[in-house]
């Protein structure tokens, strides 16, 4: 069997793509058909791309539903049936999946399911309406190696057009403007996974003897769906009988659990911590450390509220610093499935990459940022690499204050806005240095915001408050 392949390098959320190649058959030469009523024959094949590790394609199912929600095509192929060609370690561009469907021109939704279980296959065989797909629950324990994947693409327009000579060909479009001969149905794994690393923060030795999750959905959903199943407690981790001793020097993290599969949990009230999934670690002597798992929207400010929902296709990495007093300091990152959390300190300033600038309208005197008594300045910041938490700082907290986004996590897209403003008016100029640090779980590393190869006091942005401008 083949490894699962990725058609979009750099977009790890989309893990597999089925390309739909269209052609029209059955038209007599010299005949000019009514194109709106010409059936289009769709042939499918796997799209080639970079290989995704640790997941094997065992089967692929394609479904198509018309504009009324009726499933007009539903077919399944696996390696044993000969419907998929897994030669040469991958599904190449010339490896045809042998799915074929005749549909009339119109608007359709295409679905793809990868690695369905035997029980799921029985259910999917009987699907006649796309509304049924939203009601499918999966209670079978899932493994990383053959994880079920699901995807859909809506609003697909199919048309028949006159080709060269007397030929009639099929075309597809997702926007009604750009037409072509192929379509990608992108899928992702239907579950999330959890990795927990721990280190000793202070005090005596710590040995982890147990771990569990509480408030976990009892079943998976095939299609992303708001939570509607019961929650279960006491989902234990496989901890060795002798426990897991943490590094006595407290420098390195030790892996407690790796790649634990969790059902997606899209909470009705994603900011309600009382309903969130709970993580507990137990240490020798009966000490218990209780933590709440956070979802993708961490931060706890108005522009980025805390979100406790667990999303499919994500890798929830938790680093915990434990004392011998039942207290825990926690660092969370939410990554794509393939990411690996390291237990050792690997971040140096030269691997920190950012996309940042002072906001438009910022006033400078040379390299110094200037602000008046009633003003403020804004620094727009994105931490692109590594996956970590960052924090903004000022050296003079007596005369200045930080507001807006004062901390955050690695992300793409919209920048965080860090605001620095005077606390009160002054008659003579006062100064502060401004800098940002990245937490690798053990220490804070200062970011070289000036990109001059130096950090620390005297090498940072300086902000000067003056009485007026």
Protein backbone atom coordinates (compact mmCIF):
# COMPACT_ATOMS: atom_id res chain seq x y z
CA UNK A 1 0.00 0.00 0.00
CA UNK A 2 1.00 3.58 -0.54
CA UNK A 3 1.69 6.33 1.90
CA UNK A 4 -0.86 9.13 1.90
CA UNK A 5 0.30 11.92 -0.38
CA UNK A 6 -0.04 15.68 -0.12
CA UNK A 7 -0.93 17.72 -3.16
CA UNK A 8 -0.34 21.11 -1.61
CA UNK A 9 3.18 21.50 -0.25
CA UNK A 10 3.18 23.95 2.63
CA UNK A 11 -0.52 23.54 3.32
CA UNK A 12 -0.47 20.62 5.69
CA UNK A 13 -4.13 20.96 6.64
CA UNK A 14 -5.01 19.38 3.30
CA UNK A 15 -3.61 15.89 3.40
CA UNK A 16 -4.91 14.20 0.28
CA UNK A 17 -6.40 15.26 -3.02
CA UNK A 18 -8.47 13.31 -5.50
CA UNK A 19 -8.24 14.85 -8.94
CA UNK A 20 -11.32 14.54 -11.11
CA UNK A 21 -10.49 14.39 -14.82
CA UNK A 22 -13.48 15.05 -17.04
CA UNK A 23 -14.34 13.88 -20.53
CA UNK A 24 -17.55 13.36 -22.46
CA UNK A 25 -18.39 10.08 -24.13
CA UNK A 26 -21.16 8.62 -26.27
CA UNK A 27 -21.67 11.50 -28.72
CA UNK A 28 -22.20 10.54 -32.36
CA UNK A 29 -19.90 12.20 -34.87
CA UNK A 30 -21.63 15.04 -36.70
CA UNK A 31 -24.31 15.36 -34.03
CA UNK A 32 -24.66 18.66 -32.15
CA UNK A 33 -26.12 17.68 -28.77
CA UNK A 34 -28.02 19.88 -26.36
CA UNK A 35 -25.05 20.61 -24.14
CA UNK A 36 -27.18 21.22 -21.03
CA UNK A 37 -28.43 17.64 -21.26
CA UNK A 38 -25.14 15.96 -22.23
CA UNK A 39 -23.96 13.54 -19.54
CA UNK A 40 -20.37 14.09 -18.47
CA UNK A 41 -18.18 11.09 -17.66
CA UNK A 42 -15.89 11.84 -14.72
CA UNK A 43 -12.74 9.73 -14.26
CA UNK A 44 -10.85 10.02 -10.96
CA UNK A 45 -7.24 9.52 -10.02
CA UNK A 46 -5.04 10.38 -7.07
CA UNK A 47 -3.13 13.62 -7.45
CA UNK A 48 0.62 13.32 -6.96
CA UNK A 49 2.35 15.38 -4.29
CA UNK A 50 4.76 15.16 -1.36
CA UNK A 51 4.46 12.07 0.80
CA UNK A 52 2.83 12.24 4.21
CA UNK A 53 4.48 9.93 6.71
CA UNK A 54 2.72 7.47 9.01
CA UNK A 55 -0.52 7.19 7.07
CA UNK A 56 -1.30 4.54 4.48
CA UNK A 57 -4.12 4.71 1.94
CA UNK A 58 -6.17 1.54 2.23
CA UNK A 59 -9.28 2.69 0.37
CA UNK A 60 -10.91 5.67 -1.30
CA UNK A 61 -14.62 6.41 -1.70
CA UNK A 62 -16.01 9.18 -3.91
CA UNK A 63 -19.55 10.54 -3.56
CA UNK A 64 -21.32 13.26 -5.54
CA UNK A 65 -24.55 15.00 -4.59
CA UNK A 66 -26.65 17.19 -6.83
CA UNK A 67 -28.08 20.61 -5.97
CA UNK A 68 -31.06 18.98 -4.21
CA UNK A 69 -28.79 16.94 -1.94
CA UNK A 70 -29.41 13.63 -3.69
CA UNK A 71 -26.36 11.39 -3.88
CA UNK A 72 -26.02 10.59 -7.59
CA UNK A 73 -22.70 8.78 -7.34
CA UNK A 74 -21.23 6.60 -4.58
CA UNK A 75 -18.36 4.25 -5.30
CA UNK A 76 -15.58 2.61 -3.27
CA UNK A 77 -12.20 1.18 -4.25
CA UNK A 78 -9.49 -0.48 -2.22
CA UNK A 79 -6.20 -2.12 -2.98
CA UNK A 80 -7.61 -5.64 -2.78
CA UNK A 81 -10.25 -4.89 -5.42
CA UNK A 82 -7.58 -3.73 -7.83
CA UNK A 83 -9.23 -0.36 -8.11
CA UNK A 84 -6.19 1.51 -6.83
CA UNK A 85 -2.65 1.16 -8.14
CA UNK A 86 -0.14 1.38 -5.30
CA UNK A 87 2.99 0.56 -7.28
CA UNK A 88 6.27 2.44 -6.84
CA UNK A 89 5.36 3.54 -3.31
CA UNK A 90 2.82 6.13 -4.37
CA UNK A 91 -0.12 7.06 -6.52
CA UNK A 92 1.48 8.70 -9.52
CA UNK A 93 -0.15 10.93 -12.08
CA UNK A 94 -0.67 7.92 -14.35
CA UNK A 95 -2.18 5.70 -11.67
CA UNK A 96 -5.90 5.72 -12.45
CA UNK A 97 -8.39 4.99 -9.65
CA UNK A 98 -11.06 3.78 -12.08
CA UNK A 99 -13.94 5.78 -10.61
CA UNK A 100 -16.37 6.72 -13.36
CA UNK A 101 -19.64 8.62 -13.11
CA UNK A 102 -22.06 10.09 -15.63
CA UNK A 103 -23.69 13.32 -14.45
CA UNK A 104 -25.66 15.97 -16.25
CA UNK A 105 -24.30 19.52 -16.30
CA UNK A 106 -25.25 21.25 -13.08
CA UNK A 107 -23.99 22.08 -9.59
CA UNK A 108 -22.65 19.31 -7.35
CA UNK A 109 -20.89 18.64 -4.07
CA UNK A 110 -18.09 16.07 -4.19
CA UNK A 111 -17.00 14.06 -1.15
CA UNK A 112 -13.98 11.85 -0.54
CA UNK A 113 -13.50 9.31 2.26
CA UNK A 114 -10.15 7.61 2.83
CA UNK A 115 -9.56 4.49 4.95
CA UNK A 116 -13.14 3.76 5.97
CA UNK A 117 -13.65 0.87 8.39
CA UNK A 118 -15.86 -2.09 7.53
CA UNK A 119 -18.62 -0.73 9.75
CA UNK A 120 -18.38 2.70 8.16
CA UNK A 121 -18.42 1.11 4.69
CA UNK A 122 -21.78 -0.51 5.46
CA UNK A 123 -23.21 2.85 6.47
CA UNK A 124 -21.76 4.72 3.49
CA UNK A 125 -23.03 2.12 1.04
CA UNK A 126 -26.56 3.09 2.07
CA UNK A 127 -26.16 6.86 1.81
CA UNK A 128 -28.66 8.37 -0.65
CA UNK A 129 -28.74 11.95 0.70
CA UNK A 130 -25.84 14.17 1.65
CA UNK A 131 -27.66 15.12 4.88
CA UNK A 132 -26.93 11.57 6.08
CA UNK A 133 -23.18 12.26 6.02
CA UNK A 134 -23.52 14.79 8.82
CA UNK A 135 -25.13 12.20 11.09
CA UNK A 136 -22.46 9.50 10.83
CA UNK A 137 -20.67 8.70 14.10
CA UNK A 138 -17.69 6.37 14.44
CA UNK A 139 -17.13 4.55 17.71
CA UNK A 140 -14.24 2.36 16.52
CA UNK A 141 -10.84 3.19 18.02
CA UNK A 142 -8.71 4.87 15.35
CA UNK A 143 -4.97 4.57 14.79
CA UNK A 144 -2.57 7.04 13.25
CA UNK A 145 -1.36 4.58 10.62
CA UNK A 146 -4.74 4.10 8.94
CA UNK A 147 -6.66 7.17 10.09
CA UNK A 148 -9.99 7.87 8.41
CA UNK A 149 -9.90 11.07 6.34
CA UNK A 150 -12.80 13.09 4.99
CA UNK A 151 -13.25 16.06 2.68
CA UNK A 152 -15.75 17.86 0.51
CA UNK A 153 -15.90 20.60 -2.07
CA UNK A 154 -19.21 22.39 -2.62
CA UNK A 155 -20.65 24.41 -5.46
CA UNK A 156 -18.84 22.50 -8.20
CA UNK A 157 -20.22 23.50 -11.58
CA UNK A 158 -20.10 20.87 -14.32
CA UNK A 159 -20.73 21.77 -17.95
CA UNK A 160 -20.37 20.26 -21.38
CA UNK A 161 -18.78 22.37 -24.12
CA UNK A 162 -17.96 21.94 -27.79
CA UNK A 163 -14.39 20.90 -28.28
CA UNK A 164 -12.37 20.59 -31.45
CA UNK A 165 -14.21 19.14 -34.43
CA UNK A 166 -17.33 17.29 -33.35
CA UNK A 167 -16.03 16.48 -29.88
CA UNK A 168 -17.88 17.49 -26.76
CA UNK A 169 -15.88 17.77 -23.56
CA UNK A 170 -16.68 18.22 -19.87
CA UNK A 171 -15.39 21.05 -17.70
CA UNK A 172 -15.61 21.91 -14.01
CA UNK A 173 -15.38 25.15 -12.05
CA UNK A 174 -15.63 26.05 -8.37
CA UNK A 175 -16.30 29.75 -9.00
CA UNK A 176 -18.16 29.82 -12.31
CA UNK A 177 -15.35 31.85 -13.87
CA UNK A 178 -12.32 29.59 -14.16
CA UNK A 179 -13.03 26.32 -15.94
CA UNK A 180 -10.78 23.31 -16.32
CA UNK A 181 -10.62 19.58 -16.61
CA UNK A 182 -9.73 18.69 -13.02
CA UNK A 183 -10.94 19.26 -9.48
CA UNK A 184 -9.30 18.54 -6.13
CA UNK A 185 -11.29 17.11 -3.25
CA UNK A 186 -9.10 17.85 -0.24
CA UNK A 187 -9.41 15.78 2.90
CA UNK A 188 -8.05 15.82 6.42
CA UNK A 189 -7.90 13.31 9.26
CA UNK A 190 -11.14 13.22 11.26
CA UNK A 191 -9.41 13.18 14.67
CA UNK A 192 -6.83 15.21 16.58
CA UNK A 193 -3.80 13.94 18.45
CA UNK A 194 -2.10 14.90 21.69
CA UNK A 195 1.54 14.89 22.76
CA UNK A 196 2.53 15.72 26.34
CA UNK A 197 6.06 16.55 27.48
CA UNK A 198 6.99 17.31 31.07
CA UNK A 199 9.97 18.60 33.02
CA UNK A 200 10.70 19.32 36.66
CA UNK A 201 10.50 23.03 37.45
CA UNK A 202 11.63 23.10 41.08
CA UNK A 203 11.89 21.06 44.24
CA UNK A 204 12.60 17.36 44.57
CA UNK A 205 12.51 14.60 41.98
CA UNK A 206 9.27 13.98 40.08
CA UNK A 207 8.22 10.64 38.55
CA UNK A 208 5.02 10.46 36.49
CA UNK A 209 3.04 7.31 37.28
CA UNK A 210 -0.22 7.98 35.46
CA UNK A 211 -2.14 10.25 33.14
CA UNK A 212 -5.66 10.57 31.79
CA UNK A 213 -8.14 12.71 29.87
CA UNK A 214 -11.62 13.65 31.08
CA UNK A 215 -14.54 15.13 29.14
CA UNK A 216 -13.67 13.53 25.83
CA UNK A 217 -16.32 12.83 23.13
CA UNK A 218 -17.29 9.17 23.07
CA UNK A 219 -17.38 9.00 19.26
CA UNK A 220 -15.86 10.57 16.17
CA UNK A 221 -17.83 12.42 13.48
CA UNK A 222 -17.14 11.61 9.85
CA UNK A 223 -17.91 15.21 8.87
CA UNK A 224 -16.93 18.19 11.04
CA UNK A 225 -19.93 18.65 13.30
CA UNK A 226 -20.90 20.50 16.44
CA UNK A 227 -20.60 18.28 19.51
CA UNK A 228 -23.69 16.11 20.01
CA UNK A 229 -22.45 12.91 21.67
CA UNK A 230 -21.79 11.97 25.29
CA UNK A 231 -18.53 12.82 27.05
CA UNK A 232 -16.45 10.14 28.73
CA UNK A 233 -13.91 10.35 31.55
CA UNK A 234 -10.84 8.44 32.61
CA UNK A 235 -9.23 7.90 29.21
CA UNK A 236 -5.85 6.66 30.46
CA UNK A 237 -2.38 6.88 28.94
CA UNK A 238 -0.04 3.92 28.65
CA UNK A 239 2.52 4.78 31.34
CA UNK A 240 5.24 2.18 32.10
CA UNK A 241 4.79 0.32 35.38
CA UNK A 242 7.82 1.97 36.91
CA UNK A 243 6.67 5.44 35.94
CA UNK A 244 8.51 8.07 33.91
CA UNK A 245 11.23 9.94 35.81
CA UNK A 246 11.68 13.58 34.81
CA UNK A 247 15.10 15.08 34.19
CA UNK A 248 16.51 15.71 37.71
CA UNK A 249 18.22 18.90 36.48
CA UNK A 250 14.99 20.26 35.03
CA UNK A 251 16.65 21.20 31.74
CA UNK A 252 15.06 18.82 29.24
CA UNK A 253 11.48 17.75 28.70
CA UNK A 254 10.57 14.06 28.86
CA UNK A 255 7.86 12.55 26.69
CA UNK A 256 4.86 11.34 28.70
CA UNK A 257 2.50 10.52 25.83
CA UNK A 258 2.97 10.84 22.09
CA UNK A 259 0.33 10.94 19.37
CA UNK A 260 -2.68 10.05 21.53
CA UNK A 261 -5.75 10.08 19.26
CA UNK A 262 -8.63 12.34 20.38
CA UNK A 263 -12.04 12.85 18.75
CA UNK A 264 -12.83 16.28 17.42
CA UNK A 265 -14.71 18.31 20.05
CA UNK A 266 -16.45 21.38 18.59
CA UNK A 267 -18.03 22.81 21.72
CA UNK A 268 -21.36 24.62 21.68
CA UNK A 269 -19.74 27.29 23.89
CA UNK A 270 -16.04 27.12 23.02
CA UNK A 271 -15.07 29.67 25.69
CA UNK A 272 -16.68 27.67 28.53
CA UNK A 273 -13.79 26.10 30.42
CA UNK A 274 -16.16 24.01 32.57
CA UNK A 275 -17.02 21.87 29.54
CA UNK A 276 -13.47 21.62 28.17
CA UNK A 277 -11.31 18.51 27.98
CA UNK A 278 -9.17 18.04 31.10
CA UNK A 279 -5.66 16.59 31.26
CA UNK A 280 -4.40 15.06 34.52
CA UNK A 281 -0.94 13.75 35.38
CA UNK A 282 -0.23 11.78 38.55
CA UNK A 283 3.20 11.60 40.17
CA UNK A 284 4.78 9.40 42.79
CA UNK A 285 3.41 10.16 46.22
CA UNK A 286 -0.09 10.84 44.95
CA UNK A 287 0.53 14.33 43.61
CA UNK A 288 -1.93 15.25 40.85
CA UNK A 289 -1.54 17.97 38.23
CA UNK A 290 -4.79 19.07 36.54
CA UNK A 291 -4.85 21.13 33.34
CA UNK A 292 -7.39 22.28 30.77
CA UNK A 293 -6.64 21.63 27.10
CA UNK A 294 -6.83 24.74 24.97
CA UNK A 295 -8.02 24.92 21.38
CA UNK A 296 -6.64 26.89 18.46
CA UNK A 297 -7.64 30.42 19.55
CA UNK A 298 -5.38 30.99 22.53
CA UNK A 299 -4.60 34.38 24.00
CA UNK A 300 -7.51 35.42 26.16
CA UNK A 301 -7.87 38.95 24.78
CA UNK A 302 -10.86 40.46 22.99
CA UNK A 303 -9.27 40.03 19.57
CA UNK A 304 -8.25 36.44 20.27
CA UNK A 305 -10.48 34.84 22.94
CA UNK A 306 -9.64 31.57 24.62
CA UNK A 307 -11.11 28.66 22.65
CA UNK A 308 -11.37 25.20 24.18
CA UNK A 309 -12.66 23.34 21.10
CA UNK A 310 -10.49 20.50 19.77
CA UNK A 311 -10.21 20.52 15.97
CA UNK A 312 -9.65 17.62 13.57
CA UNK A 313 -6.34 17.29 11.80
CA UNK A 314 -4.47 19.16 14.55
CA UNK A 315 -1.60 18.12 16.80
CA UNK A 316 -2.01 19.46 20.32
CA UNK A 317 1.40 19.79 21.95
CA UNK A 318 1.51 20.37 25.69
CA UNK A 319 4.70 21.17 27.59
CA UNK A 320 4.29 21.05 31.36
CA UNK A 321 6.74 22.29 33.98
CA UNK A 322 5.91 20.51 37.26
CA UNK A 323 6.94 21.29 40.81
CA UNK A 324 6.74 18.92 43.74
CA UNK A 325 3.94 21.09 45.17
CA UNK A 326 1.16 19.97 42.79
CA UNK A 327 1.58 23.12 40.68
CA UNK A 328 2.11 23.17 36.91
CA UNK A 329 3.18 25.78 34.38
CA UNK A 330 1.88 24.93 30.92
CA UNK A 331 2.89 25.89 27.38
CA UNK A 332 0.53 24.97 24.53
CA UNK A 333 1.05 24.88 20.80
CA UNK A 334 -1.48 23.73 18.21
CA UNK A 335 0.21 22.50 15.05
CA UNK A 336 -0.55 20.53 11.94
CA UNK A 337 -0.71 16.77 12.36
CA UNK A 338 2.82 16.00 11.19
CA UNK A 339 4.62 18.33 13.60
CA UNK A 340 7.00 16.79 16.16
CA UNK A 341 7.53 18.35 19.57
CA UNK A 342 11.11 18.21 20.78
CA UNK A 343 11.87 17.70 24.43
CA UNK A 344 15.23 19.45 24.25
CA UNK A 345 16.14 23.12 23.95
CA UNK A 346 16.75 23.81 20.26
CA UNK A 347 15.68 27.42 19.70
CA UNK A 348 18.40 29.95 19.05
CA UNK A 349 17.98 33.51 17.87
CA UNK A 350 19.12 32.66 14.35
CA UNK A 351 16.18 30.25 13.85
CA UNK A 352 13.58 32.81 14.95
CA UNK A 353 11.88 34.39 11.95
CA UNK A 354 9.33 37.18 12.17
CA UNK A 355 7.27 39.47 9.99
CA UNK A 356 7.02 42.75 11.85
CA UNK A 357 7.01 46.53 11.46
CA UNK A 358 5.98 49.75 13.14
CA UNK A 359 2.47 50.79 12.10
CA UNK A 360 1.99 53.47 9.46
CA UNK A 361 2.25 56.98 10.88
CA UNK A 362 4.89 56.14 13.49
CA UNK A 363 7.20 59.12 14.06
CA UNK A 364 10.97 58.61 14.29
CA UNK A 365 13.89 60.75 15.35
CA UNK A 366 16.72 58.81 13.78
CA UNK A 367 16.21 55.28 15.08
CA UNK A 368 14.17 56.40 18.10
CA UNK A 369 10.39 56.11 18.09
CA UNK A 370 8.69 59.27 19.36
CA UNK A 371 5.31 59.54 21.11
CA UNK A 372 3.67 62.50 22.83
CA UNK A 373 1.78 62.66 26.12
CA UNK A 374 -1.59 61.65 24.70
CA UNK A 375 -0.38 59.36 21.95
CA UNK A 376 0.59 55.75 21.44
CA UNK A 377 2.63 53.69 19.00
CA UNK A 378 1.79 50.27 17.57
CA UNK A 379 4.14 47.48 16.57
CA UNK A 380 2.68 44.86 14.21
CA UNK A 381 4.20 41.44 14.86
CA UNK A 382 3.98 37.88 13.53
CA UNK A 383 6.18 35.05 14.82
CA UNK A 384 6.62 32.82 11.75
CA UNK A 385 9.09 30.32 13.20
CA UNK A 386 9.50 28.36 15.47
CA UNK A 387 6.18 27.18 16.92
CA UNK A 388 6.27 28.84 20.32
CA UNK A 389 4.83 31.55 22.56
CA UNK A 390 6.11 35.12 22.47
CA UNK A 391 5.82 38.01 24.94
CA UNK A 392 6.31 41.76 24.51
CA UNK A 393 8.29 43.76 27.09
CA UNK A 394 9.22 47.34 27.96
CA UNK A 395 12.11 48.27 30.22
CA UNK A 396 10.39 51.29 31.80
CA UNK A 397 7.05 50.22 33.26
CA UNK A 398 6.78 53.30 35.47
CA UNK A 399 6.26 55.78 32.61
CA UNK A 400 4.93 53.44 29.90
CA UNK A 401 2.44 50.59 29.58
CA UNK A 402 1.72 47.81 27.09
CA UNK A 403 -1.75 47.07 25.75
CA UNK A 404 -3.35 45.34 22.79
CA UNK A 405 -1.72 41.99 22.03
CA UNK A 406 1.03 41.71 24.63
CA UNK A 407 1.68 38.01 23.96
CA UNK A 408 0.74 35.41 21.39
CA UNK A 409 1.74 32.34 19.45
CA UNK A 410 3.18 31.39 16.09
CA UNK A 411 0.65 32.03 13.35
CA UNK A 412 0.22 33.12 9.75
CA UNK A 413 -1.93 35.90 8.34
CA UNK A 414 -3.09 38.84 10.45
CA UNK A 415 -0.40 40.43 12.60
CA UNK A 416 -0.70 40.94 16.33
CA UNK A 417 -0.84 44.63 17.35
CA UNK A 418 1.32 45.59 20.33
CA UNK A 419 0.49 49.06 21.67
CA UNK A 420 2.90 51.13 23.79
CA UNK A 421 1.58 54.31 25.40
CA UNK A 422 2.64 56.76 28.13
CA UNK A 423 1.01 56.35 31.53
CA UNK A 424 0.85 60.12 32.12
CA UNK A 425 1.97 63.43 30.68
CA UNK A 426 5.55 64.58 31.23
CA UNK A 427 7.33 67.91 31.13
CA UNK A 428 10.67 66.34 30.18
CA UNK A 429 11.37 63.40 27.90
CA UNK A 430 11.38 59.86 29.29
CA UNK A 431 12.50 56.68 27.51
CA UNK A 432 11.83 52.95 27.38
CA UNK A 433 13.30 50.08 25.47
CA UNK A 434 10.91 47.76 23.67
CA UNK A 435 11.67 44.10 22.97
CA UNK A 436 10.06 40.68 22.43
CA UNK A 437 11.07 37.27 23.75
CA UNK A 438 10.21 33.75 22.58
CA UNK A 439 9.68 30.99 25.17
CA UNK A 440 11.19 27.62 24.22
CA UNK A 441 9.78 26.03 27.40
CA UNK A 442 12.96 26.47 29.42
CA UNK A 443 14.15 30.02 28.82
CA UNK A 444 13.15 33.25 27.12
CA UNK A 445 15.12 34.11 23.98
CA UNK A 446 15.11 37.71 22.82
CA UNK A 447 14.15 38.40 19.21
CA UNK A 448 16.55 40.47 17.12
CA UNK A 449 13.90 43.01 16.07
CA UNK A 450 16.49 45.36 14.55
CA UNK A 451 17.97 42.51 12.47
CA UNK A 452 21.49 43.73 13.30
CA UNK A 453 22.71 40.53 14.96
CA UNK A 454 22.56 41.93 18.49
CA UNK A 455 20.06 41.79 21.34
CA UNK A 456 19.91 42.90 24.97
CA UNK A 457 19.93 46.29 26.66
CA UNK A 458 21.32 48.99 24.39
CA UNK A 459 20.46 47.02 21.24
CA UNK A 460 16.67 47.36 21.26
CA UNK A 461 14.09 49.75 19.89
CA UNK A 462 14.00 52.94 21.99
CA UNK A 463 10.74 54.84 22.51
CA UNK A 464 10.89 58.46 23.67
CA UNK A 465 7.95 60.29 25.23
CA UNK A 466 8.06 64.04 24.74
CA UNK A 467 5.67 66.68 26.08
CA UNK A 468 4.27 67.50 22.63
CA UNK A 469 4.91 66.99 18.93
